């Protein structure tokens, strides 16, 4: 769902799934408290993947268009790419994933 330089993906994740995964990691600093982004729903059956984004049903920012077709990968910065039709919108609107 996301590809690019490690530092960009880890410090500025754009896809909701990347953000959820990173929110689940532990910090080496016991005093650091991160906002946990829980995932809802179940992963799709790998034998019957529905059309659209593979994160549909678990994404907190999904819209109807997410179910229509797999999202194309697009460049968000330099060589940082993300496959999410709302990635830029989520960053600029101050969504819960910031």
PDB file of N, CA and C in Angstrom:
ATOM      1  N   UNK A   1       0.811  -1.201   0.000  1.00  0.00           N
ATOM      2  CA  UNK A   1       0.000   0.000   0.000  1.00  0.00           C
ATOM      3  C   UNK A   1       0.854   1.264   0.000  1.00  0.00           C
ATOM      4  N   UNK A   2       2.116   1.124   0.368  1.00  0.00           N
ATOM      5  CA  UNK A   2       2.985   2.291   0.447  1.00  0.00           C
ATOM      6  C   UNK A   2       4.409   1.859   0.160  1.00  0.00           C
ATOM      7  N   UNK A   3       5.108   2.708  -0.600  1.00  0.00           N
ATOM      8  CA  UNK A   3       6.487   2.384  -0.970  1.00  0.00           C
ATOM      9  C   UNK A   3       7.276   3.680  -1.042  1.00  0.00           C
ATOM     10  N   UNK A   4       8.530   3.599  -0.615  1.00  0.00           N
ATOM     11  CA  UNK A   4       9.390   4.774  -0.680  1.00  0.00           C
ATOM     12  C   UNK A   4      10.560   4.630   0.267  1.00  0.00           C
ATOM     13  N   UNK A   5      11.323   5.704   0.421  1.00  0.00           N
ATOM     14  CA  UNK A   5      12.434   5.666   1.368  1.00  0.00           C
ATOM     15  C   UNK A   5      11.914   5.341   2.776  1.00  0.00           C
ATOM     16  N   UNK A   6      12.608   4.476   3.453  1.00  0.00           N
ATOM     17  CA  UNK A   6      12.179   4.034   4.782  1.00  0.00           C
ATOM     18  C   UNK A   6      11.871   5.201   5.702  1.00  0.00           C
ATOM     19  N   UNK A   7      12.741   6.188   5.727  1.00  0.00           N
ATOM     20  CA  UNK A   7      12.522   7.326   6.632  1.00  0.00           C
ATOM     21  C   UNK A   7      11.227   8.061   6.295  1.00  0.00           C
ATOM     22  N   UNK A   8      10.885   8.192   5.014  1.00  0.00           N
ATOM     23  CA  UNK A   8       9.637   8.863   4.631  1.00  0.00           C
ATOM     24  C   UNK A   8       8.418   8.054   5.052  1.00  0.00           C
ATOM     25  N   UNK A   9       8.449   6.760   4.770  1.00  0.00           N
ATOM     26  CA  UNK A   9       7.297   5.914   5.092  1.00  0.00           C
ATOM     27  C   UNK A   9       7.090   5.828   6.607  1.00  0.00           C
ATOM     28  N   UNK A  10       8.175   5.737   7.359  1.00  0.00           N
ATOM     29  CA  UNK A  10       8.043   5.602   8.815  1.00  0.00           C
ATOM     30  C   UNK A  10       7.712   6.910   9.524  1.00  0.00           C
ATOM     31  N   UNK A  11       8.177   8.029   8.991  1.00  0.00           N
ATOM     32  CA  UNK A  11       7.920   9.307   9.672  1.00  0.00           C
ATOM     33  C   UNK A  11       6.732  10.065   9.093  1.00  0.00           C
ATOM     34  N   UNK A  12       6.355   9.773   7.849  1.00  0.00           N
ATOM     35  CA  UNK A  12       5.225  10.442   7.218  1.00  0.00           C
ATOM     36  C   UNK A  12       4.355   9.433   6.464  1.00  0.00           C
ATOM     37  N   UNK A  13       3.826   8.442   7.181  1.00  0.00           N
ATOM     38  CA  UNK A  13       2.985   7.444   6.510  1.00  0.00           C
ATOM     39  C   UNK A  13       1.730   8.102   5.954  1.00  0.00           C
ATOM     40  N   UNK A  14       1.332   7.687   4.753  1.00  0.00           N
ATOM     41  CA  UNK A  14       0.165   8.284   4.104  1.00  0.00           C
ATOM     42  C   UNK A  14      -1.027   7.345   4.046  1.00  0.00           C
ATOM     43  N   UNK A  15      -0.787   6.042   4.057  1.00  0.00           N
ATOM     44  CA  UNK A  15      -1.898   5.099   3.951  1.00  0.00           C
ATOM     45  C   UNK A  15      -2.429   4.772   5.343  1.00  0.00           C
ATOM     46  N   UNK A  16      -3.751   4.717   5.505  1.00  0.00           N
ATOM     47  CA  UNK A  16      -4.327   4.399   6.814  1.00  0.00           C
ATOM     48  C   UNK A  16      -3.830   3.073   7.384  1.00  0.00           C
ATOM     49  N   UNK A  17      -3.563   2.078   6.533  1.00  0.00           N
ATOM     50  CA  UNK A  17      -3.073   0.794   7.034  1.00  0.00           C
ATOM     51  C   UNK A  17      -1.655   0.935   7.577  1.00  0.00           C
ATOM     52  N   UNK A  18      -0.809   1.682   6.888  1.00  0.00           N
ATOM     53  CA  UNK A  18       0.550   1.926   7.376  1.00  0.00           C
ATOM     54  C   UNK A  18       0.493   2.630   8.725  1.00  0.00           C
ATOM     55  N   UNK A  19      -0.368   3.619   8.824  1.00  0.00           N
ATOM     56  CA  UNK A  19      -0.503   4.364  10.085  1.00  0.00           C
ATOM     57  C   UNK A  19      -0.972   3.464  11.223  1.00  0.00           C
ATOM     58  N   UNK A  20      -1.923   2.583  10.934  1.00  0.00           N
ATOM     59  CA  UNK A  20      -2.409   1.662  11.962  1.00  0.00           C
ATOM     60  C   UNK A  20      -1.298   0.708  12.401  1.00  0.00           C
ATOM     61  N   UNK A  21      -0.546   0.175  11.446  1.00  0.00           N
ATOM     62  CA  UNK A  21       0.559  -0.728  11.792  1.00  0.00           C
ATOM     63  C   UNK A  21       1.595  -0.021  12.663  1.00  0.00           C
ATOM     64  N   UNK A  22       1.973   1.186  12.265  1.00  0.00           N
ATOM     65  CA  UNK A  22       2.985   1.915  13.035  1.00  0.00           C
ATOM     66  C   UNK A  22       2.479   2.303  14.418  1.00  0.00           C
ATOM     67  N   UNK A  23       1.180   2.529  14.550  1.00  0.00           N
ATOM     68  CA  UNK A  23       0.635   2.889  15.860  1.00  0.00           C
ATOM     69  C   UNK A  23       0.683   1.711  16.828  1.00  0.00           C
ATOM     70  N   UNK A  24       0.824   0.503  16.298  1.00  0.00           N
ATOM     71  CA  UNK A  24       0.851  -0.698  17.134  1.00  0.00           C
ATOM     72  C   UNK A  24       2.253  -1.050  17.623  1.00  0.00           C
ATOM     73  N   UNK A  25       3.270  -0.348  17.143  1.00  0.00           N
ATOM     74  CA  UNK A  25       4.638  -0.649  17.570  1.00  0.00           C
ATOM     75  C   UNK A  25       4.925  -0.036  18.930  1.00  0.00           C
ATOM     76  N   UNK A  26       5.796  -0.664  19.665  1.00  0.00           N
ATOM     77  CA  UNK A  26       6.192  -0.150  20.970  1.00  0.00           C
ATOM     78  C   UNK A  26       7.377   0.794  20.818  1.00  0.00           C
ATOM     79  N   UNK A  27       7.417   1.788  21.662  1.00  0.00           N
ATOM     80  CA  UNK A  27       8.526   2.727  21.674  1.00  0.00           C
ATOM     81  C   UNK A  27       9.563   2.261  22.688  1.00  0.00           C
ATOM     82  N   UNK A  28      10.844   2.486  22.406  1.00  0.00           N
ATOM     83  CA  UNK A  28      11.856   2.142  23.405  1.00  0.00           C
ATOM     84  C   UNK A  28      11.781   3.055  24.628  1.00  0.00           C
ATOM     85  N   UNK A  29      11.081   4.184  24.499  1.00  0.00           N
ATOM     86  CA  UNK A  29      10.913   5.119  25.611  1.00  0.00           C
ATOM     87  C   UNK A  29       9.605   4.787  26.338  1.00  0.00           C
ATOM     88  N   UNK A  30       9.683   4.266  27.577  1.00  0.00           N
ATOM     89  CA  UNK A  30       8.454   3.864  28.274  1.00  0.00           C
ATOM     90  C   UNK A  30       7.538   5.035  28.610  1.00  0.00           C
ATOM     91  N   UNK A  31       8.051   6.265  28.556  1.00  0.00           N
ATOM     92  CA  UNK A  31       7.228   7.431  28.855  1.00  0.00           C
ATOM     93  C   UNK A  31       6.511   7.979  27.615  1.00  0.00           C
ATOM     94  N   UNK A  32       6.867   7.467  26.436  1.00  0.00           N
ATOM     95  CA  UNK A  32       6.215   7.928  25.207  1.00  0.00           C
ATOM     96  C   UNK A  32       4.879   7.220  25.046  1.00  0.00           C
ATOM     97  N   UNK A  33       3.853   7.986  24.809  1.00  0.00           N
ATOM     98  CA  UNK A  33       2.512   7.432  24.610  1.00  0.00           C
ATOM     99  C   UNK A  33       2.046   7.807  23.217  1.00  0.00           C
ATOM    100  N   UNK A  34       1.822   6.795  22.390  1.00  0.00           N
ATOM    101  CA  UNK A  34       1.376   7.027  21.029  1.00  0.00           C
ATOM    102  C   UNK A  34      -0.123   6.801  20.931  1.00  0.00           C
ATOM    103  N   UNK A  35      -0.734   7.496  19.985  1.00  0.00           N
ATOM    104  CA  UNK A  35      -2.145   7.283  19.703  1.00  0.00           C
ATOM    105  C   UNK A  35      -2.277   5.971  18.947  1.00  0.00           C
ATOM    106  N   UNK A  36      -3.001   5.037  19.502  1.00  0.00           N
ATOM    107  CA  UNK A  36      -3.210   3.753  18.841  1.00  0.00           C
ATOM    108  C   UNK A  36      -4.380   3.883  17.872  1.00  0.00           C
ATOM    109  N   UNK A  37      -4.204   3.411  16.652  1.00  0.00           N
ATOM    110  CA  UNK A  37      -5.238   3.434  15.633  1.00  0.00           C
ATOM    111  C   UNK A  37      -5.770   2.011  15.490  1.00  0.00           C
ATOM    112  N   UNK A  38      -6.871   1.685  16.147  1.00  0.00           N
ATOM    113  CA  UNK A  38      -7.402   0.319  16.057  1.00  0.00           C
ATOM    114  C   UNK A  38      -8.006   0.051  14.685  1.00  0.00           C
ATOM    115  N   UNK A  39      -7.875  -1.175  14.234  1.00  0.00           N
ATOM    116  CA  UNK A  39      -8.484  -1.589  12.977  1.00  0.00           C
ATOM    117  C   UNK A  39      -9.800  -2.278  13.289  1.00  0.00           C
ATOM    118  N   UNK A  40     -10.818  -1.952  12.534  1.00  0.00           N
ATOM    119  CA  UNK A  40     -12.118  -2.599  12.715  1.00  0.00           C
ATOM    120  C   UNK A  40     -12.317  -3.612  11.591  1.00  0.00           C
ATOM    121  N   UNK A  41     -13.247  -4.476  11.756  1.00  0.00           N
ATOM    122  CA  UNK A  41     -13.572  -5.436  10.703  1.00  0.00           C
ATOM    123  C   UNK A  41     -12.555  -6.551  10.574  1.00  0.00           C
ATOM    124  N   UNK A  42     -12.747  -7.354   9.541  1.00  0.00           N
ATOM    125  CA  UNK A  42     -11.891  -8.512   9.291  1.00  0.00           C
ATOM    126  C   UNK A  42     -11.183  -8.359   7.953  1.00  0.00           C
ATOM    127  N   UNK A  43     -10.026  -8.973   7.857  1.00  0.00           N
ATOM    128  CA  UNK A  43      -9.305  -9.002   6.580  1.00  0.00           C
ATOM    129  C   UNK A  43     -10.134  -9.811   5.596  1.00  0.00           C
ATOM    130  N   UNK A  44     -10.057  -9.450   4.302  1.00  0.00           N
ATOM    131  CA  UNK A  44     -10.839 -10.202   3.317  1.00  0.00           C
ATOM    132  C   UNK A  44     -10.312 -11.624   3.141  1.00  0.00           C
ATOM    133  N   UNK A  45     -11.183 -12.489   2.693  1.00  0.00           N
ATOM    134  CA  UNK A  45     -10.814 -13.865   2.383  1.00  0.00           C
ATOM    135  C   UNK A  45      -9.824 -13.837   1.217  1.00  0.00           C
ATOM    136  N   UNK A  46      -8.620 -14.377   1.386  1.00  0.00           N
ATOM    137  CA  UNK A  46      -7.638 -14.330   0.295  1.00  0.00           C
ATOM    138  C   UNK A  46      -8.060 -15.113  -0.940  1.00  0.00           C
ATOM    139  N   UNK A  47      -9.049 -15.986  -0.802  1.00  0.00           N
ATOM    140  CA  UNK A  47      -9.549 -16.733  -1.954  1.00  0.00           C
ATOM    141  C   UNK A  47     -10.678 -16.004  -2.676  1.00  0.00           C
ATOM    142  N   UNK A  48     -11.176 -14.935  -2.074  1.00  0.00           N
ATOM    143  CA  UNK A  48     -12.279 -14.178  -2.677  1.00  0.00           C
ATOM    144  C   UNK A  48     -12.079 -12.696  -2.391  1.00  0.00           C
ATOM    145  N   UNK A  49     -10.981 -12.154  -2.876  1.00  0.00           N
ATOM    146  CA  UNK A  49     -10.678 -10.739  -2.654  1.00  0.00           C
ATOM    147  C   UNK A  49     -11.725  -9.894  -3.391  1.00  0.00           C
ATOM    148  N   UNK A  50     -12.383  -8.992  -2.678  1.00  0.00           N
ATOM    149  CA  UNK A  50     -13.374  -8.147  -3.346  1.00  0.00           C
ATOM    150  C   UNK A  50     -12.685  -7.085  -4.213  1.00  0.00           C
ATOM    151  N   UNK A  51     -13.425  -6.521  -5.169  1.00  0.00           N
ATOM    152  CA  UNK A  51     -12.831  -5.459  -5.972  1.00  0.00           C
ATOM    153  C   UNK A  51     -12.600  -4.223  -5.092  1.00  0.00           C
ATOM    154  N   UNK A  52     -11.730  -3.370  -5.522  1.00  0.00           N
ATOM    155  CA  UNK A  52     -11.479  -2.152  -4.761  1.00  0.00           C
ATOM    156  C   UNK A  52     -10.250  -2.267  -3.894  1.00  0.00           C
ATOM    157  N   UNK A  53     -10.140  -1.364  -2.988  1.00  0.00           N
ATOM    158  CA  UNK A  53      -9.001  -1.330  -2.067  1.00  0.00           C
ATOM    159  C   UNK A  53      -9.050  -2.542  -1.139  1.00  0.00           C
ATOM    160  N   UNK A  54      -7.916  -3.198  -0.927  1.00  0.00           N
ATOM    161  CA  UNK A  54      -7.923  -4.354  -0.023  1.00  0.00           C
ATOM    162  C   UNK A  54      -8.185  -3.989   1.441  1.00  0.00           C
ATOM    163  N   UNK A  55      -8.180  -2.707   1.754  1.00  0.00           N
ATOM    164  CA  UNK A  55      -8.396  -2.255   3.128  1.00  0.00           C
ATOM    165  C   UNK A  55      -9.860  -1.866   3.386  1.00  0.00           C
ATOM    166  N   UNK A  56     -10.722  -1.989   2.370  1.00  0.00           N
ATOM    167  CA  UNK A  56     -12.142  -1.664   2.517  1.00  0.00           C
ATOM    168  C   UNK A  56     -12.738  -2.514   3.634  1.00  0.00           C
ATOM    169  N   UNK A  57     -13.557  -1.879   4.436  1.00  0.00           N
ATOM    170  CA  UNK A  57     -14.188  -2.568   5.556  1.00  0.00           C
ATOM    171  C   UNK A  57     -13.403  -2.426   6.842  1.00  0.00           C
ATOM    172  N   UNK A  58     -12.157  -2.005   6.723  1.00  0.00           N
ATOM    173  CA  UNK A  58     -11.330  -1.812   7.917  1.00  0.00           C
ATOM    174  C   UNK A  58     -10.780  -0.387   7.987  1.00  0.00           C
ATOM    175  N   UNK A  59     -10.969   0.391   6.948  1.00  0.00           N
ATOM    176  CA  UNK A  59     -10.392   1.736   6.864  1.00  0.00           C
ATOM    177  C   UNK A  59     -11.316   2.786   7.476  1.00  0.00           C
ATOM    178  N   UNK A  60     -10.795   3.617   8.350  1.00  0.00           N
ATOM    179  CA  UNK A  60     -11.630   4.633   8.976  1.00  0.00           C
ATOM    180  C   UNK A  60     -11.942   5.827   8.072  1.00  0.00           C
ATOM    181  N   UNK A  61     -11.280   5.940   6.923  1.00  0.00           N
ATOM    182  CA  UNK A  61     -11.566   7.074   6.032  1.00  0.00           C
ATOM    183  C   UNK A  61     -12.128   6.620   4.689  1.00  0.00           C
ATOM    184  N   UNK A  62     -12.589   5.388   4.593  1.00  0.00           N
ATOM    185  CA  UNK A  62     -13.077   4.897   3.306  1.00  0.00           C
ATOM    186  C   UNK A  62     -14.365   5.599   2.898  1.00  0.00           C
ATOM    187  N   UNK A  63     -14.540   5.665   1.583  1.00  0.00           N
ATOM    188  CA  UNK A  63     -15.752   6.192   0.977  1.00  0.00           C
ATOM    189  C   UNK A  63     -16.219   5.155  -0.046  1.00  0.00           C
ATOM    190  N   UNK A  64     -17.379   5.359  -0.623  1.00  0.00           N
ATOM    191  CA  UNK A  64     -17.931   4.382  -1.568  1.00  0.00           C
ATOM    192  C   UNK A  64     -16.976   4.094  -2.724  1.00  0.00           C
ATOM    193  N   UNK A  65     -16.268   5.103  -3.207  1.00  0.00           N
ATOM    194  CA  UNK A  65     -15.344   4.914  -4.335  1.00  0.00           C
ATOM    195  C   UNK A  65     -14.233   3.923  -4.021  1.00  0.00           C
ATOM    196  N   UNK A  66     -13.923   3.722  -2.769  1.00  0.00           N
ATOM    197  CA  UNK A  66     -12.857   2.788  -2.378  1.00  0.00           C
ATOM    198  C   UNK A  66     -13.221   1.349  -2.740  1.00  0.00           C
ATOM    199  N   UNK A  67     -14.509   1.057  -2.842  1.00  0.00           N
ATOM    200  CA  UNK A  67     -14.962  -0.297  -3.171  1.00  0.00           C
ATOM    201  C   UNK A  67     -15.023  -0.556  -4.672  1.00  0.00           C
ATOM    202  N   UNK A  68     -14.914   0.489  -5.468  1.00  0.00           N
ATOM    203  CA  UNK A  68     -15.123   0.358  -6.908  1.00  0.00           C
ATOM    204  C   UNK A  68     -13.971  -0.290  -7.659  1.00  0.00           C
ATOM    205  N   UNK A  69     -12.759   0.108  -7.361  1.00  0.00           N
ATOM    206  CA  UNK A  69     -11.589  -0.388  -8.094  1.00  0.00           C
ATOM    207  C   UNK A  69     -10.355  -0.265  -7.210  1.00  0.00           C
ATOM    208  N   UNK A  70      -9.357  -1.096  -7.439  1.00  0.00           N
ATOM    209  CA  UNK A  70      -8.120  -0.971  -6.659  1.00  0.00           C
ATOM    210  C   UNK A  70      -7.524   0.418  -6.861  1.00  0.00           C
ATOM    211  N   UNK A  71      -7.077   1.044  -5.793  1.00  0.00           N
ATOM    212  CA  UNK A  71      -6.522   2.386  -5.936  1.00  0.00           C
ATOM    213  C   UNK A  71      -5.176   2.351  -6.656  1.00  0.00           C
ATOM    214  N   UNK A  72      -4.975   3.262  -7.598  1.00  0.00           N
ATOM    215  CA  UNK A  72      -3.674   3.309  -8.272  1.00  0.00           C
ATOM    216  C   UNK A  72      -2.630   3.888  -7.328  1.00  0.00           C
ATOM    217  N   UNK A  73      -1.411   3.479  -7.515  1.00  0.00           N
ATOM    218  CA  UNK A  73      -0.318   4.034  -6.732  1.00  0.00           C
ATOM    219  C   UNK A  73       0.044   5.386  -7.323  1.00  0.00           C
ATOM    220  N   UNK A  74       0.207   6.392  -6.461  1.00  0.00           N
ATOM    221  CA  UNK A  74       0.621   7.698  -6.950  1.00  0.00           C
ATOM    222  C   UNK A  74       1.697   8.280  -6.040  1.00  0.00           C
ATOM    223  N   UNK A  75       2.519   9.120  -6.609  1.00  0.00           N
ATOM    224  CA  UNK A  75       3.620   9.729  -5.876  1.00  0.00           C
ATOM    225  C   UNK A  75       3.086  10.847  -4.997  1.00  0.00           C
ATOM    226  N   UNK A  76       3.497  10.817  -3.716  1.00  0.00           N
ATOM    227  CA  UNK A  76       3.082  11.865  -2.794  1.00  0.00           C
ATOM    228  C   UNK A  76       4.234  12.812  -2.450  1.00  0.00           C
ATOM    229  N   UNK A  77       5.457  12.339  -2.604  1.00  0.00           N
ATOM    230  CA  UNK A  77       6.625  13.178  -2.350  1.00  0.00           C
ATOM    231  C   UNK A  77       7.870  12.439  -2.834  1.00  0.00           C
ATOM    232  N   UNK A  78       8.622  13.058  -3.725  1.00  0.00           N
ATOM    233  CA  UNK A  78       9.841  12.427  -4.215  1.00  0.00           C
ATOM    234  C   UNK A  78       9.566  11.052  -4.781  1.00  0.00           C
ATOM    235  N   UNK A  79      10.109  10.023  -4.119  1.00  0.00           N
ATOM    236  CA  UNK A  79       9.877   8.641  -4.554  1.00  0.00           C
ATOM    237  C   UNK A  79       8.936   7.897  -3.602  1.00  0.00           C
ATOM    238  N   UNK A  80       8.233   8.639  -2.771  1.00  0.00           N
ATOM    239  CA  UNK A  80       7.274   8.068  -1.823  1.00  0.00           C
ATOM    240  C   UNK A  80       5.946   7.901  -2.557  1.00  0.00           C
ATOM    241  N   UNK A  81       5.460   6.650  -2.642  1.00  0.00           N
ATOM    242  CA  UNK A  81       4.221   6.337  -3.340  1.00  0.00           C
ATOM    243  C   UNK A  81       3.221   5.692  -2.386  1.00  0.00           C
ATOM    244  N   UNK A  82       1.955   5.925  -2.661  1.00  0.00           N
ATOM    245  CA  UNK A  82       0.897   5.338  -1.842  1.00  0.00           C
ATOM    246  C   UNK A  82      -0.272   4.950  -2.736  1.00  0.00           C
ATOM    247  N   UNK A  83      -0.929   3.855  -2.379  1.00  0.00           N
ATOM    248  CA  UNK A  83      -2.111   3.396  -3.111  1.00  0.00           C
ATOM    249  C   UNK A  83      -3.338   3.659  -2.248  1.00  0.00           C
ATOM    250  N   UNK A  84      -3.788   4.904  -2.250  1.00  0.00           N
ATOM    251  CA  UNK A  84      -4.978   5.308  -1.493  1.00  0.00           C
ATOM    252  C   UNK A  84      -5.547   6.548  -2.162  1.00  0.00           C
ATOM    253  N   UNK A  85      -6.829   6.498  -2.510  1.00  0.00           N
ATOM    254  CA  UNK A  85      -7.416   7.650  -3.194  1.00  0.00           C
ATOM    255  C   UNK A  85      -7.625   8.837  -2.262  1.00  0.00           C
ATOM    256  N   UNK A  86      -7.526   8.629  -0.951  1.00  0.00           N
ATOM    257  CA  UNK A  86      -7.742   9.723   0.008  1.00  0.00           C
ATOM    258  C   UNK A  86      -6.486  10.092   0.790  1.00  0.00           C
ATOM    259  N   UNK A  87      -5.336   9.573   0.401  1.00  0.00           N
ATOM    260  CA  UNK A  87      -4.102   9.811   1.167  1.00  0.00           C
ATOM    261  C   UNK A  87      -3.788  11.290   1.317  1.00  0.00           C
ATOM    262  N   UNK A  88      -3.850  12.048   0.240  1.00  0.00           N
ATOM    263  CA  UNK A  88      -3.545  13.480   0.326  1.00  0.00           C
ATOM    264  C   UNK A  88      -4.592  14.216   1.134  1.00  0.00           C
ATOM    265  N   UNK A  89      -5.832  13.855   0.954  1.00  0.00           N
ATOM    266  CA  UNK A  89      -6.919  14.491   1.693  1.00  0.00           C
ATOM    267  C   UNK A  89      -6.776  14.255   3.196  1.00  0.00           C
ATOM    268  N   UNK A  90      -6.410  13.054   3.585  1.00  0.00           N
ATOM    269  CA  UNK A  90      -6.261  12.729   5.000  1.00  0.00           C
ATOM    270  C   UNK A  90      -5.162  13.562   5.641  1.00  0.00           C
ATOM    271  N   UNK A  91      -4.086  13.819   4.907  1.00  0.00           N
ATOM    272  CA  UNK A  91      -2.982  14.616   5.432  1.00  0.00           C
ATOM    273  C   UNK A  91      -3.395  16.073   5.568  1.00  0.00           C
ATOM    274  N   UNK A  92      -4.057  16.626   4.555  1.00  0.00           N
ATOM    275  CA  UNK A  92      -4.360  18.055   4.543  1.00  0.00           C
ATOM    276  C   UNK A  92      -5.557  18.447   5.383  1.00  0.00           C
ATOM    277  N   UNK A  93      -6.437  17.501   5.705  1.00  0.00           N
ATOM    278  CA  UNK A  93      -7.638  17.857   6.460  1.00  0.00           C
ATOM    279  C   UNK A  93      -7.484  17.620   7.953  1.00  0.00           C
ATOM    280  N   UNK A  94      -6.318  17.193   8.379  1.00  0.00           N
ATOM    281  CA  UNK A  94      -6.121  16.969   9.810  1.00  0.00           C
ATOM    282  C   UNK A  94      -6.877  15.768  10.317  1.00  0.00           C
ATOM    283  N   UNK A  95      -6.943  14.722   9.520  1.00  0.00           N
ATOM    284  CA  UNK A  95      -7.684  13.536   9.934  1.00  0.00           C
ATOM    285  C   UNK A  95      -7.052  12.926  11.178  1.00  0.00           C
ATOM    286  N   UNK A  96      -7.752  11.973  11.749  1.00  0.00           N
ATOM    287  CA  UNK A  96      -7.273  11.300  12.949  1.00  0.00           C
ATOM    288  C   UNK A  96      -5.960  10.571  12.731  1.00  0.00           C
ATOM    289  N   UNK A  97      -5.519  10.430  11.484  1.00  0.00           N
ATOM    290  CA  UNK A  97      -4.300   9.704  11.203  1.00  0.00           C
ATOM    291  C   UNK A  97      -3.052  10.571  11.233  1.00  0.00           C
ATOM    292  N   UNK A  98      -3.186  11.824  11.511  1.00  0.00           N
ATOM    293  CA  UNK A  98      -2.006  12.700  11.531  1.00  0.00           C
ATOM    294  C   UNK A  98      -1.116  12.330  12.672  1.00  0.00           C
TER     295      UNK A  98
END
